[in-house]
Amino acid sequence: MSEFLSSHELLNLEDELRSANLALYVHKNSNEGLSQSLKSLSLRTGWATYLWIGGEGLMNLKSSEPPAPKTKEFKEAIKFALERKHFSVFIFPINNKDSWLDAKLYFTKHSPELSGVVKFMFILPKDKTHKFFSDKGKHIEFNMGLDGNYVLRDGKWISANDLP
């Protein structure tokens, strides 16, 4: 798979981000195609979109600028994002072992308010969750017939489980 999200999923993510008043999170184990998918969203909407890459920092997806200073660590990147004053989208893939542990530790000690003009989306490992996300976040599922759970029959998406 060369895309992290399909074009249909990106449109749904755009709607979710526009109306979000909580941190959003999805469960995916792979980040393949993540930056390309989100860059296309950023270019289409004009949003300032930042992708956190552990050990490198927050990268602005629309420019070739170096990473934002002092954002290599998860806690530094969150602090940087919280200080923003204008509409921005911050994507944190924390689905590998090290970043997941850093995020769990951070959110166990801190409970920042992730609402307002700055939008947050976290990519969590499949089948893992944390109290912070279940209490202060919104889970997004992209089950729209694009992952094999639904099939198109007579112009309608129906659950594959409902087929005879």
N, C-alpha and C. Protein backbone atom coordinates (compact mmCIF):
# COMPACT_ATOMS: atom_id res chain seq x y z
N MET A 1 0.85 -1.18 0.00
CA MET A 1 0.00 0.00 0.00
C MET A 1 0.89 1.23 0.00
N SER A 2 0.64 2.13 -0.95
CA SER A 2 1.47 3.32 -1.04
C SER A 2 0.81 4.53 -0.38
N GLU A 3 -0.46 4.41 -0.02
CA GLU A 3 -1.17 5.51 0.63
C GLU A 3 -1.50 5.14 2.05
N PHE A 4 -1.32 6.08 2.94
CA PHE A 4 -1.72 5.87 4.33
C PHE A 4 -3.24 5.94 4.43
N LEU A 5 -3.82 6.93 3.78
CA LEU A 5 -5.27 7.10 3.74
C LEU A 5 -5.69 7.29 2.30
N SER A 6 -6.82 6.71 1.94
CA SER A 6 -7.35 6.91 0.59
C SER A 6 -7.91 8.32 0.48
N SER A 7 -8.24 8.74 -0.72
CA SER A 7 -8.78 10.09 -0.91
C SER A 7 -10.11 10.25 -0.17
N HIS A 8 -10.91 9.20 -0.13
CA HIS A 8 -12.18 9.25 0.61
C HIS A 8 -11.92 9.41 2.12
N GLU A 9 -10.96 8.69 2.63
CA GLU A 9 -10.60 8.79 4.04
C GLU A 9 -10.04 10.17 4.37
N LEU A 10 -9.26 10.75 3.45
CA LEU A 10 -8.72 12.10 3.66
C LEU A 10 -9.83 13.13 3.74
N LEU A 11 -10.86 12.99 2.91
CA LEU A 11 -11.99 13.91 2.98
C LEU A 11 -12.71 13.79 4.32
N ASN A 12 -12.86 12.56 4.80
CA ASN A 12 -13.48 12.37 6.11
C ASN A 12 -12.61 12.93 7.22
N LEU A 13 -11.30 12.74 7.10
CA LEU A 13 -10.38 13.29 8.10
C LEU A 13 -10.45 14.82 8.09
N GLU A 14 -10.54 15.43 6.92
CA GLU A 14 -10.65 16.88 6.82
C GLU A 14 -11.89 17.36 7.58
N ASP A 15 -13.02 16.69 7.38
CA ASP A 15 -14.25 17.07 8.09
C ASP A 15 -14.08 16.92 9.60
N GLU A 16 -13.44 15.83 10.01
CA GLU A 16 -13.22 15.59 11.45
C GLU A 16 -12.33 16.67 12.05
N LEU A 17 -11.26 17.04 11.33
CA LEU A 17 -10.34 18.06 11.83
C LEU A 17 -11.01 19.43 11.91
N ARG A 18 -11.83 19.75 10.92
CA ARG A 18 -12.52 21.04 10.94
C ARG A 18 -13.42 21.19 12.16
N SER A 19 -14.09 20.12 12.53
CA SER A 19 -15.06 20.19 13.62
C SER A 19 -14.53 19.70 14.97
N ALA A 20 -13.28 19.27 15.00
CA ALA A 20 -12.74 18.67 16.22
C ALA A 20 -12.62 19.66 17.37
N ASN A 21 -13.08 19.22 18.53
CA ASN A 21 -12.85 19.97 19.76
C ASN A 21 -12.12 19.10 20.77
N LEU A 22 -11.70 17.93 20.32
CA LEU A 22 -10.89 16.99 21.11
C LEU A 22 -9.74 16.51 20.24
N ALA A 23 -8.76 15.92 20.86
CA ALA A 23 -7.68 15.29 20.10
C ALA A 23 -8.27 14.08 19.36
N LEU A 24 -7.89 13.90 18.12
CA LEU A 24 -8.34 12.76 17.34
C LEU A 24 -7.29 11.67 17.39
N TYR A 25 -7.73 10.43 17.31
CA TYR A 25 -6.76 9.35 17.21
C TYR A 25 -7.29 8.21 16.36
N VAL A 26 -6.37 7.57 15.68
CA VAL A 26 -6.67 6.41 14.84
C VAL A 26 -5.71 5.29 15.25
N HIS A 27 -6.09 4.08 14.92
CA HIS A 27 -5.24 2.92 15.18
C HIS A 27 -4.71 2.38 13.86
N LYS A 28 -3.40 2.46 13.69
CA LYS A 28 -2.74 1.88 12.52
C LYS A 28 -1.33 1.48 12.94
N ASN A 29 -0.90 0.35 12.44
CA ASN A 29 0.46 -0.10 12.79
C ASN A 29 1.50 0.41 11.81
N SER A 30 1.09 0.72 10.61
CA SER A 30 2.04 1.15 9.58
C SER A 30 1.90 2.64 9.32
N ASN A 31 3.01 3.28 9.02
CA ASN A 31 3.00 4.70 8.65
C ASN A 31 3.35 4.89 7.17
N GLU A 32 3.30 3.82 6.40
CA GLU A 32 3.67 3.90 5.00
C GLU A 32 2.75 4.87 4.26
N GLY A 33 3.35 5.83 3.59
CA GLY A 33 2.60 6.82 2.82
C GLY A 33 1.99 7.93 3.65
N LEU A 34 2.30 7.98 4.95
CA LEU A 34 1.70 8.96 5.85
C LEU A 34 1.98 10.39 5.41
N SER A 35 3.25 10.72 5.20
CA SER A 35 3.59 12.10 4.87
C SER A 35 3.00 12.53 3.53
N GLN A 36 2.95 11.62 2.53
CA GLN A 36 2.37 11.97 1.24
C GLN A 36 0.87 12.23 1.36
N SER A 37 0.17 11.38 2.10
CA SER A 37 -1.28 11.56 2.28
C SER A 37 -1.58 12.88 2.97
N LEU A 38 -0.87 13.16 4.04
CA LEU A 38 -1.14 14.38 4.80
C LEU A 38 -0.67 15.63 4.06
N LYS A 39 0.40 15.50 3.27
CA LYS A 39 0.85 16.64 2.48
C LYS A 39 -0.21 17.03 1.45
N SER A 40 -0.84 16.03 0.84
CA SER A 40 -1.89 16.34 -0.14
C SER A 40 -3.07 17.03 0.54
N LEU A 41 -3.39 16.62 1.76
CA LEU A 41 -4.46 17.29 2.53
C LEU A 41 -4.06 18.73 2.83
N SER A 42 -2.83 18.92 3.24
CA SER A 42 -2.33 20.24 3.59
C SER A 42 -2.32 21.17 2.38
N LEU A 43 -1.88 20.67 1.24
CA LEU A 43 -1.83 21.49 0.03
C LEU A 43 -3.23 21.85 -0.46
N ARG A 44 -4.15 20.91 -0.35
CA ARG A 44 -5.52 21.16 -0.81
C ARG A 44 -6.25 22.15 0.09
N THR A 45 -6.03 22.06 1.40
CA THR A 45 -6.75 22.92 2.35
C THR A 45 -6.02 24.22 2.66
N GLY A 46 -4.70 24.22 2.48
CA GLY A 46 -3.90 25.39 2.85
C GLY A 46 -3.54 25.41 4.32
N TRP A 47 -3.87 24.36 5.04
CA TRP A 47 -3.58 24.29 6.48
C TRP A 47 -2.09 24.13 6.74
N ALA A 48 -1.64 24.73 7.83
CA ALA A 48 -0.28 24.48 8.31
C ALA A 48 -0.34 23.12 9.01
N THR A 49 0.28 22.13 8.41
CA THR A 49 0.23 20.76 8.92
C THR A 49 1.64 20.30 9.26
N TYR A 50 1.80 19.82 10.47
CA TYR A 50 3.11 19.37 10.96
C TYR A 50 3.05 17.90 11.30
N LEU A 51 4.08 17.19 10.90
CA LEU A 51 4.22 15.77 11.19
C LEU A 51 5.41 15.60 12.12
N TRP A 52 5.18 14.95 13.25
CA TRP A 52 6.27 14.71 14.19
C TRP A 52 6.98 13.42 13.81
N ILE A 53 8.29 13.54 13.66
CA ILE A 53 9.13 12.37 13.39
C ILE A 53 10.09 12.26 14.56
N GLY A 54 9.94 11.20 15.34
CA GLY A 54 10.76 11.00 16.53
C GLY A 54 12.24 11.08 16.21
N GLY A 55 12.98 11.84 17.00
CA GLY A 55 14.41 12.01 16.79
C GLY A 55 14.77 13.11 15.81
N GLU A 56 13.79 13.57 15.02
CA GLU A 56 14.02 14.66 14.08
C GLU A 56 13.27 15.91 14.48
N GLY A 57 11.97 15.75 14.79
CA GLY A 57 11.16 16.89 15.21
C GLY A 57 9.93 17.08 14.36
N LEU A 58 9.29 18.23 14.52
CA LEU A 58 8.08 18.57 13.78
C LEU A 58 8.44 19.14 12.42
N MET A 59 7.94 18.49 11.38
CA MET A 59 8.21 18.91 10.01
C MET A 59 6.96 19.55 9.43
N ASN A 60 7.12 20.74 8.84
CA ASN A 60 6.03 21.38 8.12
C ASN A 60 5.91 20.66 6.78
N LEU A 61 4.76 20.06 6.51
CA LEU A 61 4.61 19.22 5.32
C LEU A 61 4.58 20.01 4.02
N LYS A 62 4.29 21.30 4.07
CA LYS A 62 4.22 22.09 2.84
C LYS A 62 5.54 22.76 2.48
N SER A 63 6.53 22.65 3.30
CA SER A 63 7.78 23.33 3.00
C SER A 63 8.97 22.39 3.18
N SER A 64 10.10 22.86 2.73
CA SER A 64 11.32 22.07 2.88
C SER A 64 12.17 22.60 4.02
N GLU A 65 11.54 23.34 4.93
CA GLU A 65 12.26 23.87 6.08
C GLU A 65 12.77 22.73 6.96
N PRO A 66 13.84 22.98 7.70
CA PRO A 66 14.27 21.97 8.66
C PRO A 66 13.23 21.84 9.78
N PRO A 67 13.29 20.78 10.56
CA PRO A 67 12.32 20.60 11.65
C PRO A 67 12.34 21.79 12.62
N ALA A 68 11.20 22.02 13.25
CA ALA A 68 11.11 23.08 14.25
C ALA A 68 12.11 22.81 15.36
N PRO A 69 12.77 23.85 15.88
CA PRO A 69 13.78 23.63 16.92
C PRO A 69 13.15 23.08 18.20
N LYS A 70 13.93 22.29 18.90
CA LYS A 70 13.55 21.71 20.19
C LYS A 70 12.23 20.94 20.12
N THR A 71 12.08 20.11 19.09
CA THR A 71 10.88 19.27 18.99
C THR A 71 11.22 17.81 18.72
N LYS A 72 12.47 17.43 18.97
CA LYS A 72 12.87 16.05 18.71
C LYS A 72 12.16 15.06 19.63
N GLU A 73 11.98 15.44 20.87
CA GLU A 73 11.32 14.56 21.84
C GLU A 73 9.82 14.83 21.84
N PHE A 74 9.05 13.81 22.17
CA PHE A 74 7.60 13.91 22.15
C PHE A 74 7.10 15.05 23.04
N LYS A 75 7.60 15.15 24.26
CA LYS A 75 7.11 16.17 25.18
C LYS A 75 7.44 17.58 24.67
N GLU A 76 8.58 17.75 24.02
CA GLU A 76 8.94 19.05 23.45
C GLU A 76 8.02 19.42 22.29
N ALA A 77 7.70 18.42 21.48
CA ALA A 77 6.84 18.66 20.32
C ALA A 77 5.42 19.04 20.75
N ILE A 78 4.91 18.38 21.77
CA ILE A 78 3.57 18.71 22.30
C ILE A 78 3.57 20.14 22.85
N LYS A 79 4.62 20.49 23.59
CA LYS A 79 4.72 21.84 24.15
C LYS A 79 4.73 22.88 23.03
N PHE A 80 5.51 22.63 21.97
CA PHE A 80 5.58 23.53 20.83
C PHE A 80 4.19 23.71 20.21
N ALA A 81 3.50 22.60 20.00
CA ALA A 81 2.17 22.65 19.39
C ALA A 81 1.18 23.42 20.25
N LEU A 82 1.23 23.23 21.55
CA LEU A 82 0.30 23.91 22.46
C LEU A 82 0.51 25.42 22.49
N GLU A 83 1.69 25.87 22.12
CA GLU A 83 1.99 27.31 22.14
C GLU A 83 1.55 28.02 20.87
N ARG A 84 1.09 27.28 19.87
CA ARG A 84 0.65 27.90 18.61
C ARG A 84 -0.63 28.71 18.85
N LYS A 85 -0.76 29.81 18.13
CA LYS A 85 -1.90 30.70 18.30
C LYS A 85 -2.87 30.69 17.12
N HIS A 86 -2.48 30.08 16.00
CA HIS A 86 -3.36 30.06 14.83
C HIS A 86 -3.65 28.63 14.42
N PHE A 87 -4.63 28.47 13.55
CA PHE A 87 -5.07 27.14 13.13
C PHE A 87 -3.90 26.36 12.56
N SER A 88 -3.63 25.23 13.18
CA SER A 88 -2.57 24.33 12.75
C SER A 88 -3.01 22.91 13.05
N VAL A 89 -2.46 21.98 12.29
CA VAL A 89 -2.75 20.57 12.50
C VAL A 89 -1.44 19.87 12.82
N PHE A 90 -1.42 19.14 13.92
CA PHE A 90 -0.23 18.41 14.34
C PHE A 90 -0.54 16.92 14.36
N ILE A 91 0.26 16.16 13.64
CA ILE A 91 0.08 14.72 13.54
C ILE A 91 1.23 14.04 14.29
N PHE A 92 0.86 13.16 15.21
CA PHE A 92 1.85 12.46 16.02
C PHE A 92 1.70 10.96 15.82
N PRO A 93 2.55 10.35 14.98
CA PRO A 93 2.54 8.89 14.87
C PRO A 93 3.30 8.29 16.06
N ILE A 94 2.58 7.75 16.99
CA ILE A 94 3.20 7.18 18.20
C ILE A 94 2.92 5.68 18.24
N ASN A 95 3.02 5.06 17.08
CA ASN A 95 2.68 3.65 16.99
C ASN A 95 3.88 2.72 16.96
N ASN A 96 5.08 3.25 17.21
CA ASN A 96 6.21 2.34 17.40
C ASN A 96 6.50 2.27 18.91
N LYS A 97 7.28 1.31 19.30
CA LYS A 97 7.47 1.02 20.73
C LYS A 97 7.98 2.22 21.52
N ASP A 98 9.04 2.87 21.05
CA ASP A 98 9.65 3.97 21.81
C ASP A 98 8.73 5.17 21.94
N SER A 99 8.13 5.60 20.82
CA SER A 99 7.26 6.78 20.90
C SER A 99 5.99 6.48 21.68
N TRP A 100 5.48 5.25 21.60
CA TRP A 100 4.30 4.88 22.38
C TRP A 100 4.61 4.96 23.88
N LEU A 101 5.77 4.47 24.28
CA LEU A 101 6.15 4.55 25.70
C LEU A 101 6.36 5.99 26.15
N ASP A 102 6.98 6.81 25.29
CA ASP A 102 7.16 8.24 25.62
C ASP A 102 5.80 8.93 25.80
N ALA A 103 4.88 8.65 24.89
CA ALA A 103 3.55 9.28 24.95
C ALA A 103 2.79 8.81 26.19
N LYS A 104 2.83 7.51 26.48
CA LYS A 104 2.13 7.00 27.66
C LYS A 104 2.67 7.65 28.93
N LEU A 105 3.97 7.77 29.03
CA LEU A 105 4.59 8.40 30.20
C LEU A 105 4.17 9.86 30.29
N TYR A 106 4.22 10.57 29.16
CA TYR A 106 3.85 11.99 29.16
C TYR A 106 2.40 12.17 29.59
N PHE A 107 1.49 11.41 28.99
CA PHE A 107 0.06 11.59 29.28
C PHE A 107 -0.34 11.02 30.63
N THR A 108 0.50 10.22 31.25
CA THR A 108 0.23 9.77 32.61
C THR A 108 0.52 10.90 33.60
N LYS A 109 1.55 11.69 33.30
CA LYS A 109 1.94 12.80 34.19
C LYS A 109 1.26 14.11 33.85
N HIS A 110 0.87 14.30 32.58
CA HIS A 110 0.28 15.56 32.12
C HIS A 110 -1.07 15.29 31.47
N SER A 111 -1.93 16.25 31.59
CA SER A 111 -3.24 16.14 30.96
C SER A 111 -3.57 17.47 30.26
N PRO A 112 -2.83 17.77 29.18
CA PRO A 112 -3.04 19.05 28.51
C PRO A 112 -4.41 19.12 27.84
N GLU A 113 -4.90 20.32 27.71
CA GLU A 113 -6.17 20.55 27.02
C GLU A 113 -5.86 20.67 25.53
N LEU A 114 -6.24 19.67 24.76
CA LEU A 114 -5.92 19.63 23.34
C LEU A 114 -7.13 20.04 22.50
N SER A 115 -7.70 21.18 22.83
CA SER A 115 -8.82 21.70 22.07
C SER A 115 -8.50 23.14 21.68
N GLY A 116 -9.25 23.68 20.78
CA GLY A 116 -9.02 25.04 20.34
C GLY A 116 -8.62 25.10 18.89
N VAL A 117 -7.87 26.14 18.53
CA VAL A 117 -7.52 26.33 17.12
C VAL A 117 -6.46 25.34 16.64
N VAL A 118 -5.68 24.81 17.55
CA VAL A 118 -4.68 23.82 17.17
C VAL A 118 -5.33 22.44 17.24
N LYS A 119 -5.22 21.68 16.16
CA LYS A 119 -5.83 20.36 16.07
C LYS A 119 -4.75 19.30 16.19
N PHE A 120 -5.06 18.24 16.92
CA PHE A 120 -4.12 17.16 17.14
C PHE A 120 -4.70 15.85 16.61
N MET A 121 -3.85 15.06 15.95
CA MET A 121 -4.23 13.71 15.58
C MET A 121 -3.07 12.79 15.95
N PHE A 122 -3.40 11.73 16.66
CA PHE A 122 -2.42 10.75 17.10
C PHE A 122 -2.68 9.43 16.38
N ILE A 123 -1.62 8.79 15.97
CA ILE A 123 -1.72 7.47 15.35
C ILE A 123 -1.18 6.48 16.37
N LEU A 124 -2.09 5.69 16.91
CA LEU A 124 -1.75 4.74 17.98
C LEU A 124 -1.57 3.34 17.40
N PRO A 125 -0.82 2.50 18.11
CA PRO A 125 -0.72 1.10 17.67
C PRO A 125 -2.09 0.43 17.76
N LYS A 126 -2.32 -0.51 16.87
CA LYS A 126 -3.59 -1.25 16.92
C LYS A 126 -3.72 -1.96 18.26
N ASP A 127 -4.93 -2.02 18.76
CA ASP A 127 -5.26 -2.72 20.00
C ASP A 127 -4.61 -2.13 21.24
N LYS A 128 -4.15 -0.89 21.18
CA LYS A 128 -3.58 -0.23 22.36
C LYS A 128 -4.34 1.06 22.59
N THR A 129 -4.50 1.39 23.85
CA THR A 129 -5.15 2.64 24.19
C THR A 129 -4.59 3.13 25.51
N HIS A 130 -4.95 4.33 25.85
CA HIS A 130 -4.49 4.94 27.09
C HIS A 130 -5.66 5.75 27.63
N LYS A 131 -5.73 5.87 28.93
CA LYS A 131 -6.83 6.59 29.58
C LYS A 131 -6.98 8.01 29.03
N PHE A 132 -5.87 8.68 28.75
CA PHE A 132 -5.93 10.04 28.23
C PHE A 132 -6.74 10.09 26.94
N PHE A 133 -6.47 9.16 26.02
CA PHE A 133 -7.16 9.18 24.73
C PHE A 133 -8.63 8.80 24.88
N SER A 134 -8.93 7.83 25.72
CA SER A 134 -10.33 7.45 25.89
C SER A 134 -11.12 8.54 26.60
N ASP A 135 -10.49 9.32 27.48
CA ASP A 135 -11.18 10.40 28.21
C ASP A 135 -11.19 11.72 27.45
N LYS A 136 -10.09 12.06 26.79
CA LYS A 136 -9.96 13.40 26.19
C LYS A 136 -9.74 13.37 24.68
N GLY A 137 -10.07 12.26 24.07
CA GLY A 137 -9.88 12.16 22.63
C GLY A 137 -11.09 11.58 21.93
N LYS A 138 -11.04 11.61 20.63
CA LYS A 138 -12.10 11.04 19.81
C LYS A 138 -11.48 10.04 18.85
N HIS A 139 -11.96 8.81 18.92
CA HIS A 139 -11.45 7.75 18.06
C HIS A 139 -12.09 7.87 16.67
N ILE A 140 -11.28 7.83 15.65
CA ILE A 140 -11.77 7.88 14.28
C ILE A 140 -11.56 6.52 13.65
N GLU A 141 -12.61 5.99 13.05
CA GLU A 141 -12.51 4.75 12.31
C GLU A 141 -12.80 5.05 10.86
N PHE A 142 -12.07 4.42 9.99
CA PHE A 142 -12.25 4.62 8.56
C PHE A 142 -12.85 3.39 7.91
N ASN A 143 -13.89 2.81 8.52
CA ASN A 143 -14.58 1.67 7.94
C ASN A 143 -15.65 2.16 6.98
N MET A 144 -15.26 2.45 5.78
CA MET A 144 -16.19 3.01 4.82
C MET A 144 -16.28 2.13 3.58
N GLY A 145 -16.09 0.84 3.78
CA GLY A 145 -16.13 -0.06 2.63
C GLY A 145 -14.80 -0.17 1.95
N LEU A 146 -13.80 0.47 2.49
CA LEU A 146 -12.50 0.50 1.83
C LEU A 146 -11.53 -0.52 2.42
N ASP A 147 -11.96 -1.23 3.46
CA ASP A 147 -11.03 -2.15 4.11
C ASP A 147 -11.51 -3.58 4.09
N GLY A 148 -12.53 -3.89 3.29
CA GLY A 148 -12.98 -5.27 3.19
C GLY A 148 -14.12 -5.60 4.12
N ASN A 149 -14.49 -4.75 5.07
CA ASN A 149 -15.58 -5.05 5.97
C ASN A 149 -16.94 -4.81 5.31
N TYR A 150 -16.96 -3.98 4.28
CA TYR A 150 -18.20 -3.67 3.57
C TYR A 150 -18.01 -3.94 2.09
N VAL A 151 -19.12 -4.25 1.43
CA VAL A 151 -19.08 -4.47 -0.01
C VAL A 151 -20.17 -3.64 -0.66
N LEU A 152 -19.96 -3.29 -1.91
CA LEU A 152 -20.92 -2.50 -2.66
C LEU A 152 -21.89 -3.44 -3.36
N ARG A 153 -23.18 -3.34 -3.01
CA ARG A 153 -24.22 -4.16 -3.64
C ARG A 153 -25.38 -3.26 -4.03
N ASP A 154 -25.73 -3.28 -5.29
CA ASP A 154 -26.84 -2.48 -5.80
C ASP A 154 -26.71 -1.01 -5.44
N GLY A 155 -25.49 -0.48 -5.51
CA GLY A 155 -25.25 0.93 -5.25
C GLY A 155 -25.23 1.31 -3.78
N LYS A 156 -25.21 0.32 -2.88
CA LYS A 156 -25.18 0.61 -1.44
C LYS A 156 -24.07 -0.19 -0.77
N TRP A 157 -23.44 0.42 0.23
CA TRP A 157 -22.45 -0.29 1.02
C TRP A 157 -23.19 -1.10 2.08
N ILE A 158 -22.92 -2.40 2.11
CA ILE A 158 -23.53 -3.25 3.14
C ILE A 158 -22.43 -4.06 3.81
N SER A 159 -22.68 -4.39 5.06
CA SER A 159 -21.71 -5.16 5.83
C SER A 159 -21.53 -6.54 5.21
N ALA A 160 -20.30 -6.96 5.08
CA ALA A 160 -20.03 -8.29 4.54
C ALA A 160 -20.62 -9.37 5.46
N ASN A 161 -20.79 -9.05 6.74
CA ASN A 161 -21.37 -10.01 7.68
C ASN A 161 -22.86 -10.23 7.42
N ASP A 162 -23.50 -9.30 6.73
CA ASP A 162 -24.93 -9.42 6.45
C ASP A 162 -25.23 -10.17 5.16
N LEU A 163 -24.19 -10.53 4.42
CA LEU A 163 -24.41 -11.25 3.17
C LEU A 163 -24.83 -12.69 3.45
N PRO A 164 -25.75 -13.24 2.60
CA PRO A 164 -26.19 -14.63 2.82
C PRO A 164 -25.09 -15.62 2.51
